[in-house]
Amino acid sequence: MADDAKLSARRMRLKLALEDLREMKGFGTELVTLIIPPDRQVSDARSMLQNEHGQAANIKSKGTRKNVQGAIESAISTLSRYKTPGLHHVLLSLHLL
């Protein structure tokens, strides 16, 4: 019974967080959304982000390149706090001007 209450509370928090996210506005190229399924390692996601950071160096616009790389760096920094896989991890990073 207590597990059902905990699960219900988690679902409600997730629903409220998603509603808050729907209202956010930003430039699409500067928003990083990363979803890590439970069967993937966090280190795989971190290495993918590092690869994307390198690819972002090819963006011609200096401002966009800086903002995209800043968002990716923020995502990598946040991701480095998570060492073990488990439940789905969802990470959102937005570089604000």
PDB file of N, CA and C in Angstrom:
ATOM      1  N   MET A   1       0.823  -1.186   0.000  1.00  0.00           N
ATOM      2  CA  MET A   1       0.000   0.000   0.000  1.00  0.00           C
ATOM      3  C   MET A   1       0.870   1.253   0.000  1.00  0.00           C
ATOM      4  N   ALA A   2       1.920   1.259   0.814  1.00  0.00           N
ATOM      5  CA  ALA A   2       2.805   2.419   0.888  1.00  0.00           C
ATOM      6  C   ALA A   2       3.534   2.624  -0.429  1.00  0.00           C
ATOM      7  N   ASP A   3       3.859   1.516  -1.122  1.00  0.00           N
ATOM      8  CA  ASP A   3       4.531   1.628  -2.417  1.00  0.00           C
ATOM      9  C   ASP A   3       3.637   2.291  -3.448  1.00  0.00           C
ATOM     10  N   ASP A   4       2.340   1.975  -3.395  1.00  0.00           N
ATOM     11  CA  ASP A   4       1.396   2.607  -4.316  1.00  0.00           C
ATOM     12  C   ASP A   4       1.307   4.105  -4.070  1.00  0.00           C
ATOM     13  N   ALA A   5       1.340   4.517  -2.823  1.00  0.00           N
ATOM     14  CA  ALA A   5       1.290   5.942  -2.492  1.00  0.00           C
ATOM     15  C   ALA A   5       2.548   6.649  -2.967  1.00  0.00           C
ATOM     16  N   LYS A   6       3.699   5.999  -2.806  1.00  0.00           N
ATOM     17  CA  LYS A   6       4.959   6.589  -3.268  1.00  0.00           C
ATOM     18  C   LYS A   6       4.965   6.722  -4.781  1.00  0.00           C
ATOM     19  N   LEU A   7       4.507   5.678  -5.462  1.00  0.00           N
ATOM     20  CA  LEU A   7       4.457   5.711  -6.920  1.00  0.00           C
ATOM     21  C   LEU A   7       3.500   6.791  -7.407  1.00  0.00           C
ATOM     22  N   SER A   8       2.372   6.909  -6.752  1.00  0.00           N
ATOM     23  CA  SER A   8       1.396   7.931  -7.116  1.00  0.00           C
ATOM     24  C   SER A   8       1.966   9.337  -6.911  1.00  0.00           C
ATOM     25  N   ALA A   9       2.697   9.525  -5.816  1.00  0.00           N
ATOM     26  CA  ALA A   9       3.304  10.826  -5.543  1.00  0.00           C
ATOM     27  C   ALA A   9       4.375  11.153  -6.586  1.00  0.00           C
ATOM     28  N   ARG A  10       5.167  10.157  -6.982  1.00  0.00           N
ATOM     29  CA  ARG A  10       6.203  10.377  -8.001  1.00  0.00           C
ATOM     30  C   ARG A  10       5.570  10.743  -9.337  1.00  0.00           C
ATOM     31  N   ARG A  11       4.492  10.049  -9.680  1.00  0.00           N
ATOM     32  CA  ARG A  11       3.812  10.352 -10.944  1.00  0.00           C
ATOM     33  C   ARG A  11       3.250  11.774 -10.938  1.00  0.00           C
ATOM     34  N   MET A  12       2.715  12.193  -9.805  1.00  0.00           N
ATOM     35  CA  MET A  12       2.154  13.539  -9.701  1.00  0.00           C
ATOM     36  C   MET A  12       3.252  14.585  -9.838  1.00  0.00           C
ATOM     37  N   ARG A  13       4.407  14.355  -9.178  1.00  0.00           N
ATOM     38  CA  ARG A  13       5.530  15.301  -9.302  1.00  0.00           C
ATOM     39  C   ARG A  13       6.017  15.385 -10.744  1.00  0.00           C
ATOM     40  N   LEU A  14       6.083  14.232 -11.424  1.00  0.00           N
ATOM     41  CA  LEU A  14       6.502  14.213 -12.822  1.00  0.00           C
ATOM     42  C   LEU A  14       5.497  14.959 -13.693  1.00  0.00           C
ATOM     43  N   LYS A  15       4.225  14.752 -13.448  1.00  0.00           N
ATOM     44  CA  LYS A  15       3.185  15.432 -14.227  1.00  0.00           C
ATOM     45  C   LYS A  15       3.281  16.947 -14.050  1.00  0.00           C
ATOM     46  N   LEU A  16       3.484  17.398 -12.822  1.00  0.00           N
ATOM     47  CA  LEU A  16       3.612  18.836 -12.562  1.00  0.00           C
ATOM     48  C   LEU A  16       4.872  19.406 -13.215  1.00  0.00           C
ATOM     49  N   ALA A  17       5.964  18.645 -13.167  1.00  0.00           N
ATOM     50  CA  ALA A  17       7.212  19.102 -13.792  1.00  0.00           C
ATOM     51  C   ALA A  17       7.036  19.216 -15.303  1.00  0.00           C
ATOM     52  N   LEU A  18       6.358  18.258 -15.916  1.00  0.00           N
ATOM     53  CA  LEU A  18       6.132  18.313 -17.361  1.00  0.00           C
ATOM     54  C   LEU A  18       5.239  19.495 -17.741  1.00  0.00           C
ATOM     55  N   GLU A  19       4.264  19.803 -16.909  1.00  0.00           N
ATOM     56  CA  GLU A  19       3.419  20.970 -17.181  1.00  0.00           C
ATOM     57  C   GLU A  19       4.234  22.257 -17.119  1.00  0.00           C
ATOM     58  N   ASP A  20       5.162  22.334 -16.154  1.00  0.00           N
ATOM     59  CA  ASP A  20       6.040  23.509 -16.062  1.00  0.00           C
ATOM     60  C   ASP A  20       6.923  23.608 -17.296  1.00  0.00           C
ATOM     61  N   LEU A  21       7.427  22.477 -17.767  1.00  0.00           N
ATOM     62  CA  LEU A  21       8.306  22.478 -18.936  1.00  0.00           C
ATOM     63  C   LEU A  21       7.577  22.913 -20.201  1.00  0.00           C
ATOM     64  N   ARG A  22       6.303  22.551 -20.317  1.00  0.00           N
ATOM     65  CA  ARG A  22       5.535  22.943 -21.498  1.00  0.00           C
ATOM     66  C   ARG A  22       5.425  24.461 -21.632  1.00  0.00           C
ATOM     67  N   GLU A  23       5.458  25.150 -20.516  1.00  0.00           N
ATOM     68  CA  GLU A  23       5.307  26.599 -20.533  1.00  0.00           C
ATOM     69  C   GLU A  23       6.623  27.329 -20.814  1.00  0.00           C
ATOM     70  N   MET A  24       7.732  26.633 -20.741  1.00  0.00           N
ATOM     71  CA  MET A  24       9.033  27.281 -20.959  1.00  0.00           C
ATOM     72  C   MET A  24       9.240  27.580 -22.436  1.00  0.00           C
ATOM     73  N   LYS A  25       9.914  28.670 -22.680  1.00  0.00           N
ATOM     74  CA  LYS A  25      10.240  29.072 -24.043  1.00  0.00           C
ATOM     75  C   LYS A  25      11.744  29.242 -24.141  1.00  0.00           C
ATOM     76  N   GLY A  26      12.285  28.964 -25.295  1.00  0.00           N
ATOM     77  CA  GLY A  26      13.713  29.136 -25.510  1.00  0.00           C
ATOM     78  C   GLY A  26      14.041  28.844 -26.965  1.00  0.00           C
ATOM     79  N   PHE A  27      15.265  29.090 -27.317  1.00  0.00           N
ATOM     80  CA  PHE A  27      15.735  28.791 -28.656  1.00  0.00           C
ATOM     81  C   PHE A  27      15.992  27.292 -28.733  1.00  0.00           C
ATOM     82  N   GLY A  28      15.454  26.630 -29.748  1.00  0.00           N
ATOM     83  CA  GLY A  28      15.541  25.180 -29.855  1.00  0.00           C
ATOM     84  C   GLY A  28      16.942  24.632 -29.916  1.00  0.00           C
ATOM     85  N   THR A  29      17.868  25.375 -30.519  1.00  0.00           N
ATOM     86  CA  THR A  29      19.222  24.852 -30.667  1.00  0.00           C
ATOM     87  C   THR A  29      20.018  24.935 -29.370  1.00  0.00           C
ATOM     88  N   GLU A  30      19.509  25.638 -28.388  1.00  0.00           N
ATOM     89  CA  GLU A  30      20.248  25.818 -27.144  1.00  0.00           C
ATOM     90  C   GLU A  30      19.630  25.035 -25.994  1.00  0.00           C
ATOM     91  N   LEU A  31      18.711  24.152 -26.311  1.00  0.00           N
ATOM     92  CA  LEU A  31      18.059  23.338 -25.298  1.00  0.00           C
ATOM     93  C   LEU A  31      18.523  21.899 -25.477  1.00  0.00           C
ATOM     94  N   VAL A  32      19.074  21.322 -24.425  1.00  0.00           N
ATOM     95  CA  VAL A  32      19.550  19.945 -24.458  1.00  0.00           C
ATOM     96  C   VAL A  32      18.597  19.097 -23.624  1.00  0.00           C
ATOM     97  N   THR A  33      18.011  18.091 -24.228  1.00  0.00           N
ATOM     98  CA  THR A  33      17.164  17.148 -23.519  1.00  0.00           C
ATOM     99  C   THR A  33      17.799  15.777 -23.672  1.00  0.00           C
ATOM    100  N   LEU A  34      18.063  15.137 -22.567  1.00  0.00           N
ATOM    101  CA  LEU A  34      18.721  13.844 -22.588  1.00  0.00           C
ATOM    102  C   LEU A  34      17.908  12.868 -21.747  1.00  0.00           C
ATOM    103  N   ILE A  35      17.507  11.773 -22.342  1.00  0.00           N
ATOM    104  CA  ILE A  35      16.769  10.729 -21.630  1.00  0.00           C
ATOM    105  C   ILE A  35      17.625   9.475 -21.661  1.00  0.00           C
ATOM    106  N   ILE A  36      17.946   8.971 -20.476  1.00  0.00           N
ATOM    107  CA  ILE A  36      18.786   7.781 -20.374  1.00  0.00           C
ATOM    108  C   ILE A  36      17.924   6.625 -19.876  1.00  0.00           C
ATOM    109  N   PRO A  37      17.692   5.622 -20.714  1.00  0.00           N
ATOM    110  CA  PRO A  37      16.914   4.475 -20.261  1.00  0.00           C
ATOM    111  C   PRO A  37      17.687   3.679 -19.204  1.00  0.00           C
ATOM    112  N   PRO A  38      16.999   2.887 -18.407  1.00  0.00           N
ATOM    113  CA  PRO A  38      17.663   2.173 -17.320  1.00  0.00           C
ATOM    114  C   PRO A  38      18.719   1.173 -17.782  1.00  0.00           C
ATOM    115  N   ASP A  39      18.644   0.704 -19.023  1.00  0.00           N
ATOM    116  CA  ASP A  39      19.621  -0.288 -19.477  1.00  0.00           C
ATOM    117  C   ASP A  39      20.880   0.338 -20.088  1.00  0.00           C
ATOM    118  N   ARG A  40      20.969   1.669 -20.138  1.00  0.00           N
ATOM    119  CA  ARG A  40      22.165   2.347 -20.666  1.00  0.00           C
ATOM    120  C   ARG A  40      23.006   2.881 -19.528  1.00  0.00           C
ATOM    121  N   GLN A  41      24.287   2.897 -19.735  1.00  0.00           N
ATOM    122  CA  GLN A  41      25.217   3.413 -18.747  1.00  0.00           C
ATOM    123  C   GLN A  41      25.266   4.939 -18.835  1.00  0.00           C
ATOM    124  N   VAL A  42      25.453   5.573 -17.691  1.00  0.00           N
ATOM    125  CA  VAL A  42      25.568   7.028 -17.644  1.00  0.00           C
ATOM    126  C   VAL A  42      26.821   7.471 -18.395  1.00  0.00           C
ATOM    127  N   SER A  43      27.871   6.673 -18.330  1.00  0.00           N
ATOM    128  CA  SER A  43      29.116   7.021 -19.022  1.00  0.00           C
ATOM    129  C   SER A  43      28.923   7.063 -20.538  1.00  0.00           C
ATOM    130  N   ASP A  44      28.037   6.215 -21.079  1.00  0.00           N
ATOM    131  CA  ASP A  44      27.745   6.253 -22.521  1.00  0.00           C
ATOM    132  C   ASP A  44      27.109   7.584 -22.904  1.00  0.00           C
ATOM    133  N   ALA A  45      26.184   8.035 -22.084  1.00  0.00           N
ATOM    134  CA  ALA A  45      25.515   9.310 -22.354  1.00  0.00           C
ATOM    135  C   ALA A  45      26.508  10.462 -22.238  1.00  0.00           C
ATOM    136  N   ARG A  46      27.401  10.398 -21.242  1.00  0.00           N
ATOM    137  CA  ARG A  46      28.400  11.448 -21.068  1.00  0.00           C
ATOM    138  C   ARG A  46      29.335  11.516 -22.281  1.00  0.00           C
ATOM    139  N   SER A  47      29.771  10.354 -22.776  1.00  0.00           N
ATOM    140  CA  SER A  47      30.665  10.354 -23.943  1.00  0.00           C
ATOM    141  C   SER A  47      29.937  10.862 -25.190  1.00  0.00           C
ATOM    142  N   MET A  48      28.648  10.554 -25.318  1.00  0.00           N
ATOM    143  CA  MET A  48      27.879  11.073 -26.445  1.00  0.00           C
ATOM    144  C   MET A  48      27.792  12.604 -26.391  1.00  0.00           C
ATOM    145  N   LEU A  49      27.566  13.136 -25.178  1.00  0.00           N
ATOM    146  CA  LEU A  49      27.507  14.595 -25.032  1.00  0.00           C
ATOM    147  C   LEU A  49      28.856  15.243 -25.348  1.00  0.00           C
ATOM    148  N   GLN A  50      29.947  14.598 -24.953  1.00  0.00           N
ATOM    149  CA  GLN A  50      31.269  15.145 -25.260  1.00  0.00           C
ATOM    150  C   GLN A  50      31.506  15.164 -26.768  1.00  0.00           C
ATOM    151  N   ASN A  51      31.023  14.137 -27.461  1.00  0.00           N
ATOM    152  CA  ASN A  51      31.116  14.106 -28.917  1.00  0.00           C
ATOM    153  C   ASN A  51      30.291  15.234 -29.534  1.00  0.00           C
ATOM    154  N   GLU A  52      29.089  15.444 -29.012  1.00  0.00           N
ATOM    155  CA  GLU A  52      28.232  16.522 -29.511  1.00  0.00           C
ATOM    156  C   GLU A  52      28.862  17.894 -29.259  1.00  0.00           C
ATOM    157  N   HIS A  53      29.549  18.034 -28.139  1.00  0.00           N
ATOM    158  CA  HIS A  53      30.234  19.298 -27.832  1.00  0.00           C
ATOM    159  C   HIS A  53      31.295  19.582 -28.899  1.00  0.00           C
ATOM    160  N   GLY A  54      32.015  18.555 -29.288  1.00  0.00           N
ATOM    161  CA  GLY A  54      33.007  18.713 -30.351  1.00  0.00           C
ATOM    162  C   GLY A  54      32.371  19.071 -31.683  1.00  0.00           C
ATOM    163  N   GLN A  55      31.240  18.450 -31.988  1.00  0.00           N
ATOM    164  CA  GLN A  55      30.534  18.749 -33.232  1.00  0.00           C
ATOM    165  C   GLN A  55      29.973  20.166 -33.232  1.00  0.00           C
ATOM    166  N   ALA A  56      29.626  20.673 -32.057  1.00  0.00           N
ATOM    167  CA  ALA A  56      29.071  22.028 -31.959  1.00  0.00           C
ATOM    168  C   ALA A  56      30.107  23.082 -32.326  1.00  0.00           C
ATOM    169  N   ALA A  57      31.383  22.729 -32.290  1.00  0.00           N
ATOM    170  CA  ALA A  57      32.433  23.670 -32.685  1.00  0.00           C
ATOM    171  C   ALA A  57      32.316  24.042 -34.164  1.00  0.00           C
ATOM    172  N   ASN A  58      31.596  23.242 -34.946  1.00  0.00           N
ATOM    173  CA  ASN A  58      31.430  23.511 -36.376  1.00  0.00           C
ATOM    174  C   ASN A  58      30.302  24.493 -36.676  1.00  0.00           C
ATOM    175  N   ILE A  59      29.567  24.936 -35.675  1.00  0.00           N
ATOM    176  CA  ILE A  59      28.478  25.891 -35.884  1.00  0.00           C
ATOM    177  C   ILE A  59      29.076  27.237 -36.271  1.00  0.00           C
ATOM    178  N   LYS A  60      28.600  27.817 -37.349  1.00  0.00           N
ATOM    179  CA  LYS A  60      29.209  29.038 -37.885  1.00  0.00           C
ATOM    180  C   LYS A  60      28.911  30.277 -37.045  1.00  0.00           C
ATOM    181  N   SER A  61      27.697  30.403 -36.555  1.00  0.00           N
ATOM    182  CA  SER A  61      27.331  31.577 -35.767  1.00  0.00           C
ATOM    183  C   SER A  61      28.009  31.519 -34.400  1.00  0.00           C
ATOM    184  N   LYS A  62      28.785  32.548 -34.100  1.00  0.00           N
ATOM    185  CA  LYS A  62      29.544  32.562 -32.846  1.00  0.00           C
ATOM    186  C   LYS A  62      28.622  32.516 -31.630  1.00  0.00           C
ATOM    187  N   GLY A  63      27.544  33.285 -31.652  1.00  0.00           N
ATOM    188  CA  GLY A  63      26.624  33.325 -30.524  1.00  0.00           C
ATOM    189  C   GLY A  63      25.923  31.995 -30.302  1.00  0.00           C
ATOM    190  N   THR A  64      25.440  31.403 -31.405  1.00  0.00           N
ATOM    191  CA  THR A  64      24.758  30.117 -31.293  1.00  0.00           C
ATOM    192  C   THR A  64      25.730  29.038 -30.838  1.00  0.00           C
ATOM    193  N   ARG A  65      26.941  29.042 -31.400  1.00  0.00           N
ATOM    194  CA  ARG A  65      27.957  28.050 -31.014  1.00  0.00           C
ATOM    195  C   ARG A  65      28.256  28.143 -29.520  1.00  0.00           C
ATOM    196  N   LYS A  66      28.421  29.360 -29.038  1.00  0.00           N
ATOM    197  CA  LYS A  66      28.719  29.558 -27.615  1.00  0.00           C
ATOM    198  C   LYS A  66      27.578  29.068 -26.737  1.00  0.00           C
ATOM    199  N   ASN A  67      26.345  29.374 -27.113  1.00  0.00           N
ATOM    200  CA  ASN A  67      25.184  28.969 -26.317  1.00  0.00           C
ATOM    201  C   ASN A  67      24.968  27.458 -26.345  1.00  0.00           C
ATOM    202  N   VAL A  68      25.146  26.845 -27.513  1.00  0.00           N
ATOM    203  CA  VAL A  68      24.979  25.399 -27.620  1.00  0.00           C
ATOM    204  C   VAL A  68      26.052  24.691 -26.798  1.00  0.00           C
ATOM    205  N   GLN A  69      27.295  25.126 -26.929  1.00  0.00           N
ATOM    206  CA  GLN A  69      28.361  24.494 -26.163  1.00  0.00           C
ATOM    207  C   GLN A  69      28.173  24.716 -24.664  1.00  0.00           C
ATOM    208  N   GLY A  70      27.674  25.875 -24.283  1.00  0.00           N
ATOM    209  CA  GLY A  70      27.401  26.136 -22.869  1.00  0.00           C
ATOM    210  C   GLY A  70      26.329  25.213 -22.320  1.00  0.00           C
ATOM    211  N   ALA A  71      25.276  24.979 -23.104  1.00  0.00           N
ATOM    212  CA  ALA A  71      24.204  24.079 -22.669  1.00  0.00           C
ATOM    213  C   ALA A  71      24.720  22.645 -22.553  1.00  0.00           C
ATOM    214  N   ILE A  72      25.549  22.227 -23.508  1.00  0.00           N
ATOM    215  CA  ILE A  72      26.101  20.871 -23.459  1.00  0.00           C
ATOM    216  C   ILE A  72      27.047  20.722 -22.277  1.00  0.00           C
ATOM    217  N   GLU A  73      27.887  21.738 -22.026  1.00  0.00           N
ATOM    218  CA  GLU A  73      28.793  21.691 -20.868  1.00  0.00           C
ATOM    219  C   GLU A  73      28.008  21.597 -19.565  1.00  0.00           C
ATOM    220  N   SER A  74      26.914  22.335 -19.479  1.00  0.00           N
ATOM    221  CA  SER A  74      26.069  22.280 -18.295  1.00  0.00           C
ATOM    222  C   SER A  74      25.464  20.888 -18.122  1.00  0.00           C
ATOM    223  N   ALA A  75      25.037  20.283 -19.217  1.00  0.00           N
ATOM    224  CA  ALA A  75      24.472  18.934 -19.164  1.00  0.00           C
ATOM    225  C   ALA A  75      25.524  17.921 -18.730  1.00  0.00           C
ATOM    226  N   ILE A  76      26.743  18.041 -19.249  1.00  0.00           N
ATOM    227  CA  ILE A  76      27.826  17.131 -18.863  1.00  0.00           C
ATOM    228  C   ILE A  76      28.143  17.297 -17.384  1.00  0.00           C
ATOM    229  N   SER A  77      28.185  18.524 -16.927  1.00  0.00           N
ATOM    230  CA  SER A  77      28.474  18.790 -15.519  1.00  0.00           C
ATOM    231  C   SER A  77      27.402  18.187 -14.615  1.00  0.00           C
ATOM    232  N   THR A  78      26.159  18.364 -14.985  1.00  0.00           N
ATOM    233  CA  THR A  78      25.065  17.807 -14.196  1.00  0.00           C
ATOM    234  C   THR A  78      25.089  16.286 -14.239  1.00  0.00           C
ATOM    235  N   LEU A  79      25.378  15.728 -15.402  1.00  0.00           N
ATOM    236  CA  LEU A  79      25.389  14.279 -15.567  1.00  0.00           C
ATOM    237  C   LEU A  79      26.514  13.621 -14.775  1.00  0.00           C
ATOM    238  N   SER A  80      27.594  14.330 -14.555  1.00  0.00           N
ATOM    239  CA  SER A  80      28.725  13.738 -13.838  1.00  0.00           C
ATOM    240  C   SER A  80      28.395  13.457 -12.370  1.00  0.00           C
ATOM    241  N   ARG A  81      27.301  14.005 -11.857  1.00  0.00           N
ATOM    242  CA  ARG A  81      26.874  13.718 -10.482  1.00  0.00           C
ATOM    243  C   ARG A  81      26.201  12.357 -10.366  1.00  0.00           C
ATOM    244  N   TYR A  82      25.769  11.791 -11.486  1.00  0.00           N
ATOM    245  CA  TYR A  82      25.091  10.498 -11.479  1.00  0.00           C
ATOM    246  C   TYR A  82      26.077   9.426 -11.919  1.00  0.00           C
ATOM    247  N   LYS A  83      26.331   8.470 -11.049  1.00  0.00           N
ATOM    248  CA  LYS A  83      27.321   7.439 -11.345  1.00  0.00           C
ATOM    249  C   LYS A  83      26.698   6.119 -11.759  1.00  0.00           C
ATOM    250  N   THR A  84      25.548   5.785 -11.197  1.00  0.00           N
ATOM    251  CA  THR A  84      24.981   4.461 -11.436  1.00  0.00           C
ATOM    252  C   THR A  84      23.682   4.560 -12.210  1.00  0.00           C
ATOM    253  N   PRO A  85      23.453   3.601 -13.099  1.00  0.00           N
ATOM    254  CA  PRO A  85      22.166   3.557 -13.784  1.00  0.00           C
ATOM    255  C   PRO A  85      21.098   3.053 -12.834  1.00  0.00           C
ATOM    256  N   GLY A  86      19.891   3.328 -13.156  1.00  0.00           N
ATOM    257  CA  GLY A  86      18.783   2.878 -12.322  1.00  0.00           C
ATOM    258  C   GLY A  86      17.502   3.187 -13.040  1.00  0.00           C
ATOM    259  N   LEU A  87      16.717   4.042 -12.451  1.00  0.00           N
ATOM    260  CA  LEU A  87      15.495   4.473 -13.106  1.00  0.00           C
ATOM    261  C   LEU A  87      15.850   5.344 -14.299  1.00  0.00           C
ATOM    262  N   HIS A  88      14.874   5.665 -15.110  1.00  0.00           N
ATOM    263  CA  HIS A  88      15.107   6.577 -16.228  1.00  0.00           C
ATOM    264  C   HIS A  88      15.650   7.890 -15.682  1.00  0.00           C
ATOM    265  N   HIS A  89      16.675   8.399 -16.297  1.00  0.00           N
ATOM    266  CA  HIS A  89      17.179   9.731 -15.965  1.00  0.00           C
ATOM    267  C   HIS A  89      16.755  10.667 -17.091  1.00  0.00           C
ATOM    268  N   VAL A  90      16.212  11.795 -16.716  1.00  0.00           N
ATOM    269  CA  VAL A  90      15.859  12.820 -17.690  1.00  0.00           C
ATOM    270  C   VAL A  90      16.595  14.077 -17.300  1.00  0.00           C
ATOM    271  N   LEU A  91      17.335  14.636 -18.229  1.00  0.00           N
ATOM    272  CA  LEU A  91      18.148  15.808 -17.966  1.00  0.00           C
ATOM    273  C   LEU A  91      17.797  16.883 -18.982  1.00  0.00           C
ATOM    274  N   LEU A  92      17.491  18.062 -18.502  1.00  0.00           N
ATOM    275  CA  LEU A  92      17.198  19.201 -19.359  1.00  0.00           C
ATOM    276  C   LEU A  92      18.198  20.299 -19.041  1.00  0.00           C
ATOM    277  N   SER A  93      18.767  20.870 -20.050  1.00  0.00           N
ATOM    278  CA  SER A  93      19.723  21.957 -19.850  1.00  0.00           C
ATOM    279  C   SER A  93      19.444  23.039 -20.865  1.00  0.00           C
ATOM    280  N   LEU A  94      19.273  24.251 -20.395  1.00  0.00           N
ATOM    281  CA  LEU A  94      18.968  25.379 -21.267  1.00  0.00           C
ATOM    282  C   LEU A  94      19.946  26.484 -20.965  1.00  0.00           C
ATOM    283  N   HIS A  95      20.630  26.968 -21.975  1.00  0.00           N
ATOM    284  CA  HIS A  95      21.552  28.076 -21.802  1.00  0.00           C
ATOM    285  C   HIS A  95      20.769  29.369 -21.994  1.00  0.00           C
ATOM    286  N   LEU A  96      20.589  30.120 -20.916  1.00  0.00           N
ATOM    287  CA  LEU A  96      19.821  31.362 -20.980  1.00  0.00           C
ATOM    288  C   LEU A  96      20.738  32.538 -21.242  1.00  0.00           C
ATOM    289  N   LEU A  97      20.244  33.468 -22.003  1.00  0.00           N
ATOM    290  CA  LEU A  97      21.032  34.673 -22.327  1.00  0.00           C
ATOM    291  C   LEU A  97      20.954  35.678 -21.220  1.00  0.00           C
TER     292      LEU A  97
END
